[in-house]
Amino acid sequence: MLAYTLKRLLAGVITVWFIATATFMAMHMVPGDPLMNDKAVSAEIRKNLEVKYGLDKPVVEQYFIFMGNMLQGDFGISFTQQNRRVNDIIRDHFPVSATLGLLAIFFAATGGVIWGALTAIYRNRLPDIIIMFLVILGISVPSFVFAALGQLMLVNINSLLGFSLIPVAGWGTFSHMLMPSMVLGLGTMALLTRLMRSSMLEIVNEDYIKTAKAKGLSPTRIFFKHQLRNAILPVITILGPSIAAITTGGFVVELVFAIPGLGRYFVQAVQQLDYTVIMGTTVFFGAFLVLMVILVDIIYGFVDPRVRLQ
């Protein structure tokens, strides 16, 4: 168990190093000037800015400085936000994105398991047909369309009631989180529903299910103890990457619902070519994704006794 965990952590460190290196190289290959926002400055002031941010040094030296600072947990100072450190941006705004992402994952995982199990139980019947039609919509329709429709629906509901039942945008209370989290989790819920359905249908005819029925176990016990537990394994496998993807990838939803999450600052950094913010947030997102994958691998062994962590 310990050796397996250490091995996975080592692989994770190598992955994060590769992400950091690839991001650094991409930033220096992209055409443009990170100081182009400072247009009305003299050559002397511009030179001082290059010295401040280390842009006057060779690219190789900049790389080793960046890697050394990253190992110390320091991602530097933002190019576009006055004297604001990237660490402060992540610390202040990632909790917002994480809260939204966890709510979306709860919504997606709960709905995916329930709807997937129902479609398998009522295979080729009306509930299965209706749910799978909605699943296709959830997979094919982009999140920004659901976000716009969700806002329009809230505007109509609040107008009909004469007061704001659920806020249309903003952040601060639990009611602000409901619609964005549901919109953000719809695509993942649709994917988990399809995965759960196929997994449930696959194990229906397994020998251990037939044995449980022959022993006279109740259908409820067979469903929860044998079918659901084994069918949920593929869901757990992709749940880790899904958590990281939803938590760090809700850029569009954050912009539509005016949520002050980390995604909005990442988009702004890309538009303004803010090297330090782009590299810092990318490495942070990559490390978070690797951590989620490692946790899922460990949890997998507890859920499935057949898996041995060595």
Protein backbone atom coordinates (compact mmCIF):
# COMPACT_ATOMS: atom_id res chain seq x y z
CA MET A 1 0.00 0.00 0.00
CA LEU A 2 2.75 2.45 1.00
CA ALA A 3 4.97 1.48 -1.94
CA TYR A 4 2.08 1.88 -4.37
CA THR A 5 1.20 5.31 -2.97
CA LEU A 6 4.82 6.49 -3.17
CA LYS A 7 5.05 5.22 -6.74
CA ARG A 8 1.90 7.09 -7.72
CA LEU A 9 3.17 10.25 -6.01
CA LEU A 10 6.46 10.02 -7.91
CA ALA A 11 4.58 9.66 -11.19
CA GLY A 12 2.46 12.64 -10.19
CA VAL A 13 5.54 14.80 -9.51
CA ILE A 14 6.95 13.91 -12.94
CA THR A 15 3.61 14.79 -14.54
CA VAL A 16 3.47 18.17 -12.81
CA TRP A 17 7.07 18.88 -13.90
CA PHE A 18 6.14 18.06 -17.50
CA ILE A 19 3.08 20.35 -17.30
CA ALA A 20 5.18 23.19 -15.88
CA THR A 21 7.87 22.75 -18.54
CA ALA A 22 5.39 22.54 -21.41
CA THR A 23 3.53 25.63 -20.17
CA PHE A 24 6.76 27.63 -19.79
CA MET A 25 7.88 26.72 -23.32
CA ALA A 26 4.44 27.52 -24.78
CA MET A 27 4.38 30.93 -23.10
CA HIS A 28 7.72 31.88 -24.65
CA MET A 29 6.73 30.56 -28.08
CA VAL A 30 3.47 32.50 -28.25
CA PRO A 31 3.88 35.72 -30.26
CA GLY A 32 3.35 38.92 -28.33
CA ASP A 33 4.85 40.95 -25.54
CA PRO A 34 3.78 40.43 -21.90
CA LEU A 35 4.51 44.11 -21.26
CA MET A 36 2.53 45.37 -24.25
CA ASN A 37 -0.08 46.85 -21.91
CA ASP A 38 2.53 49.35 -20.77
CA LYS A 39 2.52 51.24 -24.04
CA ALA A 40 3.20 54.78 -22.88
CA VAL A 41 6.51 54.09 -21.13
CA SER A 42 10.03 55.11 -21.95
CA ALA A 43 12.75 52.64 -22.88
CA GLU A 44 14.36 53.08 -19.46
CA ILE A 45 11.14 52.30 -17.57
CA ARG A 46 10.52 49.31 -19.79
CA LYS A 47 14.00 48.04 -19.08
CA ASN A 48 13.35 48.37 -15.35
CA LEU A 49 10.13 46.37 -15.76
CA GLU A 50 12.01 43.63 -17.61
CA VAL A 51 14.55 43.50 -14.79
CA LYS A 52 11.75 43.37 -12.19
CA TYR A 53 10.06 40.39 -13.86
CA GLY A 54 13.29 38.70 -14.95
CA LEU A 55 12.56 39.07 -18.66
CA ASP A 56 16.04 40.48 -19.29
CA LYS A 57 17.64 37.10 -18.56
CA PRO A 58 18.11 34.25 -21.09
CA VAL A 59 15.14 31.90 -21.47
CA VAL A 60 17.05 28.95 -19.98
CA GLU A 61 17.91 30.98 -16.87
CA GLN A 62 14.29 32.14 -16.62
CA TYR A 63 13.19 28.49 -16.73
CA PHE A 64 15.44 27.42 -13.85
CA ILE A 65 14.41 30.46 -11.80
CA PHE A 66 10.74 29.61 -12.42
CA MET A 67 11.23 25.95 -11.46
CA GLY A 68 13.18 26.91 -8.33
CA ASN A 69 10.49 29.34 -7.21
CA MET A 70 7.77 26.78 -8.02
CA LEU A 71 9.43 24.20 -5.76
CA GLN A 72 9.21 26.79 -2.98
CA GLY A 73 5.53 27.39 -3.74
CA ASP A 74 6.14 30.86 -5.18
CA PHE A 75 4.60 31.62 -8.60
CA GLY A 76 5.74 35.23 -8.73
CA ILE A 77 3.96 38.56 -9.24
CA SER A 78 1.24 39.20 -11.81
CA PHE A 79 2.28 41.29 -14.81
CA THR A 80 -1.09 43.03 -15.13
CA GLN A 81 -2.38 43.31 -11.54
CA GLN A 82 -0.36 45.82 -9.57
CA ASN A 83 2.01 44.08 -7.14
CA ARG A 84 -0.41 41.20 -6.63
CA ARG A 85 1.15 37.79 -6.20
CA VAL A 86 -0.16 34.79 -8.10
CA ASN A 87 -0.33 32.85 -4.84
CA ASP A 88 -2.73 35.46 -3.47
CA ILE A 89 -4.93 35.21 -6.57
CA ILE A 90 -5.13 31.43 -6.20
CA ARG A 91 -5.73 31.60 -2.44
CA ASP A 92 -8.48 34.22 -2.76
CA HIS A 93 -10.41 32.82 -5.72
CA PHE A 94 -9.83 29.06 -5.86
CA PRO A 95 -12.12 28.41 -2.83
CA VAL A 96 -14.97 29.94 -4.84
CA SER A 97 -14.28 27.67 -7.82
CA ALA A 98 -13.81 24.68 -5.50
CA THR A 99 -17.14 25.29 -3.73
CA LEU A 100 -18.96 25.59 -7.05
CA GLY A 101 -17.18 22.52 -8.41
CA LEU A 102 -17.92 20.31 -5.40
CA LEU A 103 -21.61 21.20 -5.53
CA ALA A 104 -21.62 20.43 -9.25
CA ILE A 105 -19.89 17.08 -8.64
CA PHE A 106 -22.39 16.17 -5.92
CA PHE A 107 -25.24 16.99 -8.28
CA ALA A 108 -23.61 15.12 -11.19
CA ALA A 109 -22.61 12.01 -9.23
CA THR A 110 -25.93 11.66 -7.41
CA GLY A 111 -27.99 12.20 -10.54
CA GLY A 112 -25.72 10.04 -12.69
CA VAL A 113 -25.88 7.02 -10.38
CA ILE A 114 -29.64 7.30 -9.80
CA TRP A 115 -30.63 7.90 -13.42
CA GLY A 116 -28.16 5.31 -14.70
CA ALA A 117 -29.55 2.68 -12.35
CA LEU A 118 -33.15 3.56 -13.32
CA THR A 119 -32.42 3.29 -17.04
CA ALA A 120 -30.89 -0.15 -16.48
CA ILE A 121 -33.84 -1.34 -14.38
CA TYR A 122 -36.40 -0.04 -16.91
CA ARG A 123 -34.39 -0.93 -20.00
CA ASN A 124 -36.13 -0.13 -23.31
CA ARG A 125 -39.16 1.18 -21.44
CA LEU A 126 -40.52 4.70 -21.12
CA PRO A 127 -38.28 5.87 -18.21
CA ASP A 128 -35.21 4.60 -20.07
CA ILE A 129 -36.21 6.37 -23.30
CA ILE A 130 -36.95 9.70 -21.59
CA ILE A 131 -33.79 9.71 -19.47
CA MET A 132 -31.52 8.72 -22.37
CA PHE A 133 -33.04 11.49 -24.51
CA LEU A 134 -32.21 13.99 -21.77
CA VAL A 135 -28.72 12.48 -21.49
CA ILE A 136 -28.09 13.08 -25.19
CA LEU A 137 -29.16 16.70 -24.72
CA GLY A 138 -26.85 17.07 -21.72
CA ILE A 139 -23.87 15.77 -23.68
CA SER A 140 -24.47 17.58 -26.96
CA VAL A 141 -25.61 21.03 -25.78
CA PRO A 142 -22.76 23.36 -24.62
CA SER A 143 -22.73 24.57 -21.03
CA PHE A 144 -23.07 28.24 -22.00
CA VAL A 145 -26.43 27.44 -23.66
CA PHE A 146 -27.69 25.81 -20.46
CA ALA A 147 -26.32 28.78 -18.50
CA ALA A 148 -28.24 31.27 -20.65
CA LEU A 149 -31.42 29.19 -20.49
CA GLY A 150 -31.03 28.82 -16.73
CA GLN A 151 -30.71 32.56 -16.28
CA LEU A 152 -33.72 33.19 -18.51
CA MET A 153 -35.76 30.69 -16.50
CA LEU A 154 -34.77 32.34 -13.21
CA VAL A 155 -35.70 35.79 -14.56
CA ASN A 156 -39.16 34.52 -15.56
CA ILE A 157 -39.71 32.72 -12.24
CA ASN A 158 -38.62 35.71 -10.16
CA SER A 159 -40.77 38.02 -12.28
CA LEU A 160 -43.78 35.72 -11.89
CA LEU A 161 -43.37 35.48 -8.11
CA GLY A 162 -42.69 39.18 -7.67
CA PHE A 163 -39.52 38.62 -5.64
CA SER A 164 -36.10 37.05 -6.14
CA LEU A 165 -36.47 33.40 -5.18
CA ILE A 166 -33.07 32.43 -6.61
CA PRO A 167 -30.55 35.11 -7.65
CA VAL A 168 -29.81 35.27 -11.38
CA ALA A 169 -26.11 36.02 -10.91
CA GLY A 170 -23.54 36.85 -8.28
CA TRP A 171 -22.02 34.99 -5.34
CA GLY A 172 -22.39 34.94 -1.59
CA THR A 173 -25.22 32.68 -0.43
CA PHE A 174 -26.22 29.08 -1.07
CA SER A 175 -29.05 30.22 -3.34
CA HIS A 176 -26.45 31.87 -5.60
CA MET A 177 -24.77 28.48 -6.03
CA LEU A 178 -27.78 26.38 -7.05
CA MET A 179 -28.22 27.23 -10.72
CA PRO A 180 -24.48 27.54 -11.60
CA SER A 181 -23.67 24.21 -9.95
CA MET A 182 -26.50 22.43 -11.77
CA VAL A 183 -25.47 23.94 -15.11
CA LEU A 184 -21.82 23.05 -14.50
CA GLY A 185 -22.64 19.46 -13.52
CA LEU A 186 -25.10 18.64 -16.32
CA GLY A 187 -22.54 17.38 -18.83
CA THR A 188 -20.78 15.19 -16.27
CA MET A 189 -24.11 13.86 -14.97
CA ALA A 190 -25.09 12.84 -18.51
CA LEU A 191 -21.76 11.06 -19.00
CA LEU A 192 -22.03 9.26 -15.64
CA THR A 193 -25.61 8.22 -16.43
CA ARG A 194 -24.55 6.52 -19.67
CA LEU A 195 -21.57 4.89 -17.95
CA MET A 196 -23.68 3.67 -15.03
CA ARG A 197 -26.35 2.29 -17.37
CA SER A 198 -23.88 0.29 -19.46
CA SER A 199 -22.11 -0.99 -16.35
CA MET A 200 -25.39 -2.08 -14.72
CA LEU A 201 -26.51 -3.90 -17.85
CA GLU A 202 -23.14 -5.61 -18.12
CA ILE A 203 -23.23 -7.20 -14.66
CA VAL A 204 -26.90 -8.27 -14.68
CA ASN A 205 -25.98 -11.64 -16.15
CA GLU A 206 -22.84 -12.21 -14.10
CA ASP A 207 -22.52 -15.48 -12.20
CA TYR A 208 -22.48 -13.86 -8.75
CA ILE A 209 -25.82 -12.16 -9.49
CA LYS A 210 -27.35 -15.48 -10.51
CA THR A 211 -25.90 -17.10 -7.38
CA ALA A 212 -27.38 -14.37 -5.17
CA LYS A 213 -30.79 -14.88 -6.77
CA ALA A 214 -30.51 -18.65 -6.35
CA LYS A 215 -29.71 -18.21 -2.64
CA GLY A 216 -33.00 -16.35 -2.24
CA LEU A 217 -31.64 -12.89 -1.49
CA SER A 218 -34.16 -10.08 -1.82
CA PRO A 219 -34.02 -7.96 -5.01
CA THR A 220 -33.27 -4.86 -2.90
CA ARG A 221 -30.27 -6.49 -1.24
CA ILE A 222 -29.02 -7.85 -4.58
CA PHE A 223 -29.33 -4.40 -6.12
CA PHE A 224 -27.51 -2.44 -3.41
CA LYS A 225 -24.95 -5.02 -2.25
CA HIS A 226 -23.99 -6.66 -5.54
CA GLN A 227 -25.24 -4.77 -8.59
CA LEU A 228 -24.79 -1.17 -7.50
CA ARG A 229 -21.48 -1.73 -5.73
CA ASN A 230 -19.87 -3.39 -8.73
CA ALA A 231 -21.49 -1.17 -11.35
CA ILE A 232 -20.30 2.00 -9.65
CA LEU A 233 -16.59 1.15 -10.09
CA PRO A 234 -16.26 2.71 -13.57
CA VAL A 235 -18.02 5.81 -12.25
CA ILE A 236 -15.45 6.13 -9.45
CA THR A 237 -12.66 5.69 -12.00
CA ILE A 238 -13.58 8.85 -13.91
CA LEU A 239 -14.89 10.73 -10.88
CA GLY A 240 -11.43 11.97 -9.87
CA PRO A 241 -10.57 13.59 -13.20
CA SER A 242 -14.15 14.87 -13.37
CA ILE A 243 -13.79 16.56 -9.98
CA ALA A 244 -10.63 18.31 -11.11
CA ALA A 245 -12.08 19.20 -14.51
CA ILE A 246 -15.29 20.67 -13.09
CA THR A 247 -13.59 22.44 -10.19
CA THR A 248 -10.98 24.09 -12.41
CA GLY A 249 -12.83 24.21 -15.72
CA GLY A 250 -15.98 26.20 -15.04
CA PHE A 251 -14.66 29.28 -16.86
CA VAL A 252 -17.75 29.90 -18.97
CA VAL A 253 -20.20 29.33 -16.12
CA GLU A 254 -18.23 31.67 -13.86
CA LEU A 255 -18.28 34.37 -16.52
CA VAL A 256 -22.00 33.99 -17.30
CA PHE A 257 -23.08 34.00 -13.66
CA ALA A 258 -20.56 36.71 -12.60
CA ILE A 259 -18.85 34.38 -10.11
CA PRO A 260 -15.47 35.62 -8.80
CA GLY A 261 -13.73 32.28 -9.30
CA LEU A 262 -10.21 31.46 -10.43
CA GLY A 263 -11.36 30.65 -13.96
CA ARG A 264 -12.20 34.26 -14.73
CA TYR A 265 -8.69 35.39 -13.78
CA PHE A 266 -7.15 32.62 -15.87
CA VAL A 267 -9.11 33.77 -18.94
CA GLN A 268 -8.04 37.36 -18.34
CA ALA A 269 -4.41 36.26 -17.97
CA VAL A 270 -4.53 34.44 -21.32
CA GLN A 271 -6.02 37.50 -23.01
CA GLN A 272 -3.40 39.81 -21.49
CA LEU A 273 -0.48 37.35 -21.84
CA ASP A 274 0.22 37.43 -18.10
CA TYR A 275 3.02 34.85 -17.94
CA THR A 276 3.11 34.34 -14.20
CA VAL A 277 -0.64 33.97 -13.72
CA ILE A 278 -0.95 31.57 -16.68
CA MET A 279 1.94 29.38 -15.54
CA GLY A 280 0.95 29.49 -11.87
CA THR A 281 -2.69 28.58 -12.40
CA THR A 282 -1.83 25.92 -15.01
CA VAL A 283 0.63 24.21 -12.68
CA PHE A 284 -1.87 24.48 -9.82
CA PHE A 285 -4.65 22.98 -11.95
CA GLY A 286 -2.34 20.20 -13.14
CA ALA A 287 -1.23 19.34 -9.60
CA PHE A 288 -4.85 19.30 -8.45
CA LEU A 289 -5.80 16.94 -11.28
CA VAL A 290 -2.91 14.58 -10.50
CA LEU A 291 -3.88 14.57 -6.81
CA MET A 292 -7.48 13.66 -7.65
CA VAL A 293 -6.35 10.78 -9.88
CA ILE A 294 -4.10 9.41 -7.11
CA LEU A 295 -6.91 9.63 -4.54
CA VAL A 296 -9.29 7.80 -6.88
CA ASP A 297 -6.74 5.02 -7.42
CA ILE A 298 -6.46 4.56 -3.66
CA ILE A 299 -10.23 4.72 -3.06
CA TYR A 300 -10.74 2.18 -5.85
CA GLY A 301 -8.98 -0.45 -3.77
CA PHE A 302 -11.34 0.07 -0.84
CA VAL A 303 -14.46 -0.13 -2.99
CA ASP A 304 -13.39 -3.23 -4.93
CA PRO A 305 -11.81 -5.98 -2.74
CA ARG A 306 -10.41 -7.63 -5.87
CA VAL A 307 -8.03 -4.74 -6.39
CA ARG A 308 -4.73 -5.08 -4.57
CA LEU A 309 -2.56 -2.01 -4.12
CA GLN A 310 1.06 -3.06 -4.22
